[in-house]
Amino acid sequence: MHIRVAQRDDIETLFDIRTSVVENHQSREEIAALGITPASVAAMLETDCCAWVAERGDRPIGFAIANATEQTIVGLFVLPEAEGQGTGRVLM
């Protein structure tokens, strides 16, 4: 497994992973209703947030995003097929 800093062109991948989860599932429409859109994530990554992508081979399998100002983990999500393999632990 490889962890790398997420880039702006990873935003769609982050949304794909986020909407794939079973626990705490939310659709793109539900996330957008909360104000979380590709544009808002791009703005977050340009200001006080950083995200990391976990990859197995060249395939993204999870991500974490943190807010430096608030010193919080905003979200951590792993593809269902990659659950239970330590991805979340490594991202933390």
PDB file of N, CA and C in Angstrom:
ATOM      1  N   MET A   1       0.839  -1.169   0.000  1.00  0.00           N
ATOM      2  CA  MET A   1       0.000   0.000   0.000  1.00  0.00           C
ATOM      3  C   MET A   1       0.890   1.239   0.000  1.00  0.00           C
ATOM      4  N   HIS A   2       0.465   2.215  -0.757  1.00  0.00           N
ATOM      5  CA  HIS A   2       1.201   3.475  -0.877  1.00  0.00           C
ATOM      6  C   HIS A   2       0.264   4.615  -0.482  1.00  0.00           C
ATOM      7  N   ILE A   3       0.754   5.561   0.312  1.00  0.00           N
ATOM      8  CA  ILE A   3      -0.013   6.744   0.701  1.00  0.00           C
ATOM      9  C   ILE A   3       0.636   7.956   0.047  1.00  0.00           C
ATOM     10  N   ARG A   4      -0.181   8.783  -0.557  1.00  0.00           N
ATOM     11  CA  ARG A   4       0.337  10.009  -1.178  1.00  0.00           C
ATOM     12  C   ARG A   4      -0.619  11.162  -0.900  1.00  0.00           C
ATOM     13  N   VAL A   5      -0.119  12.368  -1.010  1.00  0.00           N
ATOM     14  CA  VAL A   5      -0.940  13.560  -0.835  1.00  0.00           C
ATOM     15  C   VAL A   5      -1.875  13.673  -2.036  1.00  0.00           C
ATOM     16  N   ALA A   6      -3.146  13.933  -1.744  1.00  0.00           N
ATOM     17  CA  ALA A   6      -4.136  14.090  -2.813  1.00  0.00           C
ATOM     18  C   ALA A   6      -3.900  15.399  -3.560  1.00  0.00           C
ATOM     19  N   GLN A   7      -4.168  15.351  -4.836  1.00  0.00           N
ATOM     20  CA  GLN A   7      -4.055  16.511  -5.706  1.00  0.00           C
ATOM     21  C   GLN A   7      -5.454  16.918  -6.180  1.00  0.00           C
ATOM     22  N   ARG A   8      -5.544  18.069  -6.748  1.00  0.00           N
ATOM     23  CA  ARG A   8      -6.833  18.566  -7.251  1.00  0.00           C
ATOM     24  C   ARG A   8      -7.490  17.561  -8.212  1.00  0.00           C
ATOM     25  N   ASP A   9      -6.692  16.896  -9.045  1.00  0.00           N
ATOM     26  CA  ASP A   9      -7.280  15.950  -9.999  1.00  0.00           C
ATOM     27  C   ASP A   9      -7.738  14.644  -9.344  1.00  0.00           C
ATOM     28  N   ASP A  10      -7.570  14.503  -8.035  1.00  0.00           N
ATOM     29  CA  ASP A  10      -8.071  13.350  -7.290  1.00  0.00           C
ATOM     30  C   ASP A  10      -9.484  13.566  -6.757  1.00  0.00           C
ATOM     31  N   ILE A  11     -10.026  14.744  -6.888  1.00  0.00           N
ATOM     32  CA  ILE A  11     -11.305  15.063  -6.248  1.00  0.00           C
ATOM     33  C   ILE A  11     -12.415  14.106  -6.669  1.00  0.00           C
ATOM     34  N   GLU A  12     -12.527  13.798  -7.940  1.00  0.00           N
ATOM     35  CA  GLU A  12     -13.574  12.853  -8.374  1.00  0.00           C
ATOM     36  C   GLU A  12     -13.366  11.478  -7.737  1.00  0.00           C
ATOM     37  N   THR A  13     -12.129  11.060  -7.614  1.00  0.00           N
ATOM     38  CA  THR A  13     -11.820   9.786  -6.961  1.00  0.00           C
ATOM     39  C   THR A  13     -12.250   9.820  -5.502  1.00  0.00           C
ATOM     40  N   LEU A  14     -12.012  10.934  -4.824  1.00  0.00           N
ATOM     41  CA  LEU A  14     -12.441  11.062  -3.432  1.00  0.00           C
ATOM     42  C   LEU A  14     -13.956  10.899  -3.330  1.00  0.00           C
ATOM     43  N   PHE A  15     -14.685  11.520  -4.235  1.00  0.00           N
ATOM     44  CA  PHE A  15     -16.141  11.388  -4.228  1.00  0.00           C
ATOM     45  C   PHE A  15     -16.570   9.961  -4.555  1.00  0.00           C
ATOM     46  N   ASP A  16     -15.890   9.311  -5.484  1.00  0.00           N
ATOM     47  CA  ASP A  16     -16.220   7.917  -5.821  1.00  0.00           C
ATOM     48  C   ASP A  16     -16.037   7.015  -4.599  1.00  0.00           C
ATOM     49  N   ILE A  17     -14.945   7.193  -3.892  1.00  0.00           N
ATOM     50  CA  ILE A  17     -14.694   6.390  -2.690  1.00  0.00           C
ATOM     51  C   ILE A  17     -15.737   6.724  -1.625  1.00  0.00           C
ATOM     52  N   ARG A  18     -15.972   8.025  -1.398  1.00  0.00           N
ATOM     53  CA  ARG A  18     -16.907   8.446  -0.345  1.00  0.00           C
ATOM     54  C   ARG A  18     -18.295   7.858  -0.568  1.00  0.00           C
ATOM     55  N   THR A  19     -18.760   7.851  -1.803  1.00  0.00           N
ATOM     56  CA  THR A  19     -20.120   7.372  -2.080  1.00  0.00           C
ATOM     57  C   THR A  19     -20.203   5.854  -2.225  1.00  0.00           C
ATOM     58  N   SER A  20     -19.070   5.165  -2.134  1.00  0.00           N
ATOM     59  CA  SER A  20     -19.076   3.699  -2.251  1.00  0.00           C
ATOM     60  C   SER A  20     -19.253   3.004  -0.911  1.00  0.00           C
ATOM     61  N   VAL A  21     -19.031   3.733   0.196  1.00  0.00           N
ATOM     62  CA  VAL A  21     -19.026   3.090   1.502  1.00  0.00           C
ATOM     63  C   VAL A  21     -20.420   2.609   1.888  1.00  0.00           C
ATOM     64  N   VAL A  22     -20.460   1.570   2.727  1.00  0.00           N
ATOM     65  CA  VAL A  22     -21.725   1.019   3.203  1.00  0.00           C
ATOM     66  C   VAL A  22     -22.123   1.705   4.509  1.00  0.00           C
ATOM     67  N   GLU A  23     -21.183   1.752   5.455  1.00  0.00           N
ATOM     68  CA  GLU A  23     -21.447   2.421   6.723  1.00  0.00           C
ATOM     69  C   GLU A  23     -21.380   3.930   6.500  1.00  0.00           C
ATOM     70  N   ASN A  24     -22.366   4.654   7.006  1.00  0.00           N
ATOM     71  CA  ASN A  24     -22.443   6.104   6.841  1.00  0.00           C
ATOM     72  C   ASN A  24     -22.505   6.503   5.371  1.00  0.00           C
ATOM     73  N   HIS A  25     -23.229   5.707   4.578  1.00  0.00           N
ATOM     74  CA  HIS A  25     -23.351   5.989   3.146  1.00  0.00           C
ATOM     75  C   HIS A  25     -24.128   7.281   2.925  1.00  0.00           C
ATOM     76  N   GLN A  26     -23.645   8.070   1.984  1.00  0.00           N
ATOM     77  CA  GLN A  26     -24.363   9.241   1.500  1.00  0.00           C
ATOM     78  C   GLN A  26     -24.130   9.332   0.005  1.00  0.00           C
ATOM     79  N   SER A  27     -25.190   9.694  -0.709  1.00  0.00           N
ATOM     80  CA  SER A  27     -25.093   9.872  -2.153  1.00  0.00           C
ATOM     81  C   SER A  27     -24.450  11.221  -2.453  1.00  0.00           C
ATOM     82  N   ARG A  28     -24.104  11.428  -3.705  1.00  0.00           N
ATOM     83  CA  ARG A  28     -23.547  12.726  -4.101  1.00  0.00           C
ATOM     84  C   ARG A  28     -24.551  13.844  -3.835  1.00  0.00           C
ATOM     85  N   GLU A  29     -25.838  13.546  -4.040  1.00  0.00           N
ATOM     86  CA  GLU A  29     -26.875  14.543  -3.799  1.00  0.00           C
ATOM     87  C   GLU A  29     -26.961  14.906  -2.310  1.00  0.00           C
ATOM     88  N   GLU A  30     -26.871  13.897  -1.454  1.00  0.00           N
ATOM     89  CA  GLU A  30     -26.911  14.152  -0.012  1.00  0.00           C
ATOM     90  C   GLU A  30     -25.685  14.935   0.449  1.00  0.00           C
ATOM     91  N   ILE A  31     -24.534  14.589  -0.097  1.00  0.00           N
ATOM     92  CA  ILE A  31     -23.305  15.307   0.256  1.00  0.00           C
ATOM     93  C   ILE A  31     -23.386  16.754  -0.240  1.00  0.00           C
ATOM     94  N   ALA A  32     -23.894  16.935  -1.464  1.00  0.00           N
ATOM     95  CA  ALA A  32     -24.023  18.293  -2.015  1.00  0.00           C
ATOM     96  C   ALA A  32     -24.971  19.139  -1.168  1.00  0.00           C
ATOM     97  N   ALA A  33     -26.031  18.526  -0.646  1.00  0.00           N
ATOM     98  CA  ALA A  33     -26.975  19.258   0.208  1.00  0.00           C
ATOM     99  C   ALA A  33     -26.298  19.775   1.475  1.00  0.00           C
ATOM    100  N   LEU A  34     -25.200  19.124   1.872  1.00  0.00           N
ATOM    101  CA  LEU A  34     -24.419  19.566   3.027  1.00  0.00           C
ATOM    102  C   LEU A  34     -23.361  20.613   2.645  1.00  0.00           C
ATOM    103  N   GLY A  35     -23.313  20.939   1.352  1.00  0.00           N
ATOM    104  CA  GLY A  35     -22.345  21.929   0.876  1.00  0.00           C
ATOM    105  C   GLY A  35     -21.021  21.339   0.455  1.00  0.00           C
ATOM    106  N   ILE A  36     -20.960  20.013   0.369  1.00  0.00           N
ATOM    107  CA  ILE A  36     -19.709  19.351  -0.030  1.00  0.00           C
ATOM    108  C   ILE A  36     -19.818  18.999  -1.510  1.00  0.00           C
ATOM    109  N   THR A  37     -19.113  19.765  -2.305  1.00  0.00           N
ATOM    110  CA  THR A  37     -19.116  19.616  -3.756  1.00  0.00           C
ATOM    111  C   THR A  37     -17.667  19.545  -4.238  1.00  0.00           C
ATOM    112  N   PRO A  38     -17.458  19.155  -5.473  1.00  0.00           N
ATOM    113  CA  PRO A  38     -16.077  19.195  -5.976  1.00  0.00           C
ATOM    114  C   PRO A  38     -15.440  20.577  -5.823  1.00  0.00           C
ATOM    115  N   ALA A  39     -16.211  21.621  -6.032  1.00  0.00           N
ATOM    116  CA  ALA A  39     -15.661  22.975  -5.888  1.00  0.00           C
ATOM    117  C   ALA A  39     -15.307  23.283  -4.434  1.00  0.00           C
ATOM    118  N   SER A  40     -16.159  22.861  -3.494  1.00  0.00           N
ATOM    119  CA  SER A  40     -15.854  23.153  -2.085  1.00  0.00           C
ATOM    120  C   SER A  40     -14.661  22.338  -1.601  1.00  0.00           C
ATOM    121  N   VAL A  41     -14.516  21.119  -2.091  1.00  0.00           N
ATOM    122  CA  VAL A  41     -13.356  20.305  -1.706  1.00  0.00           C
ATOM    123  C   VAL A  41     -12.084  20.918  -2.293  1.00  0.00           C
ATOM    124  N   ALA A  42     -12.157  21.384  -3.530  1.00  0.00           N
ATOM    125  CA  ALA A  42     -10.994  22.044  -4.133  1.00  0.00           C
ATOM    126  C   ALA A  42     -10.585  23.256  -3.302  1.00  0.00           C
ATOM    127  N   ALA A  43     -11.561  24.033  -2.853  1.00  0.00           N
ATOM    128  CA  ALA A  43     -11.261  25.198  -2.026  1.00  0.00           C
ATOM    129  C   ALA A  43     -10.646  24.773  -0.696  1.00  0.00           C
ATOM    130  N   MET A  44     -11.155  23.696  -0.112  1.00  0.00           N
ATOM    131  CA  MET A  44     -10.598  23.196   1.142  1.00  0.00           C
ATOM    132  C   MET A  44      -9.134  22.810   0.966  1.00  0.00           C
ATOM    133  N   LEU A  45      -8.844  22.111  -0.128  1.00  0.00           N
ATOM    134  CA  LEU A  45      -7.474  21.650  -0.363  1.00  0.00           C
ATOM    135  C   LEU A  45      -6.520  22.810  -0.657  1.00  0.00           C
ATOM    136  N   GLU A  46      -7.064  23.924  -1.097  1.00  0.00           N
ATOM    137  CA  GLU A  46      -6.235  25.098  -1.403  1.00  0.00           C
ATOM    138  C   GLU A  46      -6.022  25.978  -0.181  1.00  0.00           C
ATOM    139  N   THR A  47      -6.748  25.705   0.909  1.00  0.00           N
ATOM    140  CA  THR A  47      -6.634  26.562   2.091  1.00  0.00           C
ATOM    141  C   THR A  47      -6.061  25.772   3.259  1.00  0.00           C
ATOM    142  N   ASP A  48      -6.914  25.322   4.169  1.00  0.00           N
ATOM    143  CA  ASP A  48      -6.422  24.742   5.420  1.00  0.00           C
ATOM    144  C   ASP A  48      -6.622  23.237   5.556  1.00  0.00           C
ATOM    145  N   CYS A  49      -6.879  22.559   4.459  1.00  0.00           N
ATOM    146  CA  CYS A  49      -7.064  21.103   4.515  1.00  0.00           C
ATOM    147  C   CYS A  49      -6.026  20.385   3.660  1.00  0.00           C
ATOM    148  N   CYS A  50      -5.784  19.159   4.037  1.00  0.00           N
ATOM    149  CA  CYS A  50      -4.910  18.286   3.265  1.00  0.00           C
ATOM    150  C   CYS A  50      -5.572  16.921   3.225  1.00  0.00           C
ATOM    151  N   ALA A  51      -5.432  16.247   2.109  1.00  0.00           N
ATOM    152  CA  ALA A  51      -5.986  14.903   1.971  1.00  0.00           C
ATOM    153  C   ALA A  51      -4.893  13.962   1.502  1.00  0.00           C
ATOM    154  N   TRP A  52      -5.030  12.704   1.897  1.00  0.00           N
ATOM    155  CA  TRP A  52      -4.097  11.653   1.504  1.00  0.00           C
ATOM    156  C   TRP A  52      -4.886  10.532   0.878  1.00  0.00           C
ATOM    157  N   VAL A  53      -4.313   9.936  -0.163  1.00  0.00           N
ATOM    158  CA  VAL A  53      -4.942   8.826  -0.881  1.00  0.00           C
ATOM    159  C   VAL A  53      -4.127   7.571  -0.633  1.00  0.00           C
ATOM    160  N   ALA A  54      -4.818   6.494  -0.266  1.00  0.00           N
ATOM    161  CA  ALA A  54      -4.174   5.186  -0.135  1.00  0.00           C
ATOM    162  C   ALA A  54      -4.380   4.449  -1.446  1.00  0.00           C
ATOM    163  N   GLU A  55      -3.305   3.875  -1.952  1.00  0.00           N
ATOM    164  CA  GLU A  55      -3.370   3.140  -3.216  1.00  0.00           C
ATOM    165  C   GLU A  55      -2.794   1.746  -3.037  1.00  0.00           C
ATOM    166  N   ARG A  56      -3.392   0.816  -3.707  1.00  0.00           N
ATOM    167  CA  ARG A  56      -2.839  -0.532  -3.827  1.00  0.00           C
ATOM    168  C   ARG A  56      -2.545  -0.709  -5.305  1.00  0.00           C
ATOM    169  N   GLY A  57      -1.271  -0.839  -5.601  1.00  0.00           N
ATOM    170  CA  GLY A  57      -0.867  -0.788  -7.012  1.00  0.00           C
ATOM    171  C   GLY A  57      -1.098   0.644  -7.468  1.00  0.00           C
ATOM    172  N   ASP A  58      -1.823   0.811  -8.548  1.00  0.00           N
ATOM    173  CA  ASP A  58      -2.152   2.172  -8.995  1.00  0.00           C
ATOM    174  C   ASP A  58      -3.627   2.492  -8.771  1.00  0.00           C
ATOM    175  N   ARG A  59      -4.293   1.698  -7.910  1.00  0.00           N
ATOM    176  CA  ARG A  59      -5.723   1.865  -7.669  1.00  0.00           C
ATOM    177  C   ARG A  59      -5.982   2.523  -6.313  1.00  0.00           C
ATOM    178  N   PRO A  60      -6.648   3.682  -6.300  1.00  0.00           N
ATOM    179  CA  PRO A  60      -7.023   4.303  -5.033  1.00  0.00           C
ATOM    180  C   PRO A  60      -8.032   3.432  -4.288  1.00  0.00           C
ATOM    181  N   ILE A  61      -7.778   3.206  -2.985  1.00  0.00           N
ATOM    182  CA  ILE A  61      -8.673   2.355  -2.194  1.00  0.00           C
ATOM    183  C   ILE A  61      -9.212   3.066  -0.955  1.00  0.00           C
ATOM    184  N   GLY A  62      -8.714   4.258  -0.664  1.00  0.00           N
ATOM    185  CA  GLY A  62      -9.210   4.998   0.483  1.00  0.00           C
ATOM    186  C   GLY A  62      -8.589   6.371   0.536  1.00  0.00           C
ATOM    187  N   PHE A  63      -9.164   7.214   1.413  1.00  0.00           N
ATOM    188  CA  PHE A  63      -8.581   8.536   1.610  1.00  0.00           C
ATOM    189  C   PHE A  63      -8.940   9.061   2.987  1.00  0.00           C
ATOM    190  N   ALA A  64      -8.142  10.010   3.427  1.00  0.00           N
ATOM    191  CA  ALA A  64      -8.404  10.763   4.647  1.00  0.00           C
ATOM    192  C   ALA A  64      -8.207  12.228   4.317  1.00  0.00           C
ATOM    193  N   ILE A  65      -8.996  13.070   4.977  1.00  0.00           N
ATOM    194  CA  ILE A  65      -8.848  14.514   4.806  1.00  0.00           C
ATOM    195  C   ILE A  65      -8.886  15.155   6.182  1.00  0.00           C
ATOM    196  N   ALA A  66      -7.955  16.095   6.411  1.00  0.00           N
ATOM    197  CA  ALA A  66      -7.829  16.745   7.712  1.00  0.00           C
ATOM    198  C   ALA A  66      -7.840  18.259   7.545  1.00  0.00           C
ATOM    199  N   ASN A  67      -8.353  18.928   8.578  1.00  0.00           N
ATOM    200  CA  ASN A  67      -8.385  20.378   8.619  1.00  0.00           C
ATOM    201  C   ASN A  67      -7.334  20.842   9.630  1.00  0.00           C
ATOM    202  N   ALA A  68      -6.323  21.525   9.152  1.00  0.00           N
ATOM    203  CA  ALA A  68      -5.221  21.957  10.017  1.00  0.00           C
ATOM    204  C   ALA A  68      -5.664  23.025  11.015  1.00  0.00           C
ATOM    205  N   THR A  69      -6.525  23.944  10.586  1.00  0.00           N
ATOM    206  CA  THR A  69      -6.971  25.021  11.466  1.00  0.00           C
ATOM    207  C   THR A  69      -7.753  24.472  12.655  1.00  0.00           C
ATOM    208  N   GLU A  70      -8.676  23.559  12.363  1.00  0.00           N
ATOM    209  CA  GLU A  70      -9.505  22.971  13.419  1.00  0.00           C
ATOM    210  C   GLU A  70      -8.850  21.766  14.084  1.00  0.00           C
ATOM    211  N   GLN A  71      -7.741  21.313  13.500  1.00  0.00           N
ATOM    212  CA  GLN A  71      -7.018  20.144  13.994  1.00  0.00           C
ATOM    213  C   GLN A  71      -7.946  18.935  14.125  1.00  0.00           C
ATOM    214  N   THR A  72      -8.668  18.668  13.034  1.00  0.00           N
ATOM    215  CA  THR A  72      -9.614  17.552  13.013  1.00  0.00           C
ATOM    216  C   THR A  72      -9.456  16.730  11.745  1.00  0.00           C
ATOM    217  N   ILE A  73      -9.860  15.480  11.856  1.00  0.00           N
ATOM    218  CA  ILE A  73     -10.007  14.631  10.680  1.00  0.00           C
ATOM    219  C   ILE A  73     -11.413  14.890  10.163  1.00  0.00           C
ATOM    220  N   VAL A  74     -11.518  15.386   8.955  1.00  0.00           N
ATOM    221  CA  VAL A  74     -12.812  15.708   8.363  1.00  0.00           C
ATOM    222  C   VAL A  74     -13.504  14.430   7.889  1.00  0.00           C
ATOM    223  N   GLY A  75     -12.728  13.505   7.366  1.00  0.00           N
ATOM    224  CA  GLY A  75     -13.293  12.255   6.896  1.00  0.00           C
ATOM    225  C   GLY A  75     -12.214  11.244   6.587  1.00  0.00           C
ATOM    226  N   LEU A  76     -12.583   9.985   6.693  1.00  0.00           N
ATOM    227  CA  LEU A  76     -11.695   8.880   6.356  1.00  0.00           C
ATOM    228  C   LEU A  76     -12.593   7.784   5.801  1.00  0.00           C
ATOM    229  N   PHE A  77     -12.360   7.406   4.559  1.00  0.00           N
ATOM    230  CA  PHE A  77     -13.219   6.444   3.875  1.00  0.00           C
ATOM    231  C   PHE A  77     -12.382   5.430   3.107  1.00  0.00           C
ATOM    232  N   VAL A  78     -12.849   4.190   3.111  1.00  0.00           N
ATOM    233  CA  VAL A  78     -12.150   3.083   2.452  1.00  0.00           C
ATOM    234  C   VAL A  78     -13.166   2.327   1.606  1.00  0.00           C
ATOM    235  N   LEU A  79     -12.752   1.937   0.408  1.00  0.00           N
ATOM    236  CA  LEU A  79     -13.640   1.123  -0.434  1.00  0.00           C
ATOM    237  C   LEU A  79     -14.076  -0.125   0.323  1.00  0.00           C
ATOM    238  N   PRO A  80     -15.325  -0.540   0.165  1.00  0.00           N
ATOM    239  CA  PRO A  80     -15.803  -1.726   0.881  1.00  0.00           C
ATOM    240  C   PRO A  80     -14.920  -2.963   0.673  1.00  0.00           C
ATOM    241  N   GLU A  81     -14.426  -3.171  -0.530  1.00  0.00           N
ATOM    242  CA  GLU A  81     -13.603  -4.361  -0.787  1.00  0.00           C
ATOM    243  C   GLU A  81     -12.216  -4.275  -0.157  1.00  0.00           C
ATOM    244  N   ALA A  82     -11.840  -3.093   0.327  1.00  0.00           N
ATOM    245  CA  ALA A  82     -10.536  -2.925   0.974  1.00  0.00           C
ATOM    246  C   ALA A  82     -10.652  -2.816   2.495  1.00  0.00           C
ATOM    247  N   GLU A  83     -11.865  -2.935   3.024  1.00  0.00           N
ATOM    248  CA  GLU A  83     -12.056  -2.859   4.472  1.00  0.00           C
ATOM    249  C   GLU A  83     -11.377  -4.024   5.177  1.00  0.00           C
ATOM    250  N   GLY A  84     -10.969  -3.783   6.410  1.00  0.00           N
ATOM    251  CA  GLY A  84     -10.383  -4.834   7.237  1.00  0.00           C
ATOM    252  C   GLY A  84      -8.964  -5.212   6.863  1.00  0.00           C
ATOM    253  N   GLN A  85      -8.310  -4.393   6.053  1.00  0.00           N
ATOM    254  CA  GLN A  85      -6.957  -4.694   5.607  1.00  0.00           C
ATOM    255  C   GLN A  85      -5.934  -3.676   6.100  1.00  0.00           C
ATOM    256  N   GLY A  86      -6.349  -2.815   7.044  1.00  0.00           N
ATOM    257  CA  GLY A  86      -5.434  -1.847   7.639  1.00  0.00           C
ATOM    258  C   GLY A  86      -5.323  -0.520   6.928  1.00  0.00           C
ATOM    259  N   THR A  87      -6.118  -0.302   5.896  1.00  0.00           N
ATOM    260  CA  THR A  87      -6.028   0.950   5.140  1.00  0.00           C
ATOM    261  C   THR A  87      -6.348   2.151   6.021  1.00  0.00           C
ATOM    262  N   GLY A  88      -7.438   2.081   6.760  1.00  0.00           N
ATOM    263  CA  GLY A  88      -7.833   3.193   7.628  1.00  0.00           C
ATOM    264  C   GLY A  88      -6.782   3.473   8.683  1.00  0.00           C
ATOM    265  N   ARG A  89      -6.216   2.432   9.238  1.00  0.00           N
ATOM    266  CA  ARG A  89      -5.182   2.586  10.264  1.00  0.00           C
ATOM    267  C   ARG A  89      -3.962   3.306   9.679  1.00  0.00           C
ATOM    268  N   VAL A  90      -3.568   2.922   8.484  1.00  0.00           N
ATOM    269  CA  VAL A  90      -2.415   3.555   7.850  1.00  0.00           C
ATOM    270  C   VAL A  90      -2.727   5.023   7.522  1.00  0.00           C
ATOM    271  N   LEU A  91      -3.930   5.305   7.062  1.00  0.00           N
ATOM    272  CA  LEU A  91      -4.303   6.677   6.759  1.00  0.00           C
ATOM    273  C   LEU A  91      -4.322   7.562   8.007  1.00  0.00           C
ATOM    274  N   MET A  92      -4.718   6.984   9.133  1.00  0.00           N
ATOM    275  CA  MET A  92      -4.700   7.765  10.375  1.00  0.00           C
ATOM    276  C   MET A  92      -3.267   8.069  10.762  1.00  0.00           C
TER     277      MET A  92
END
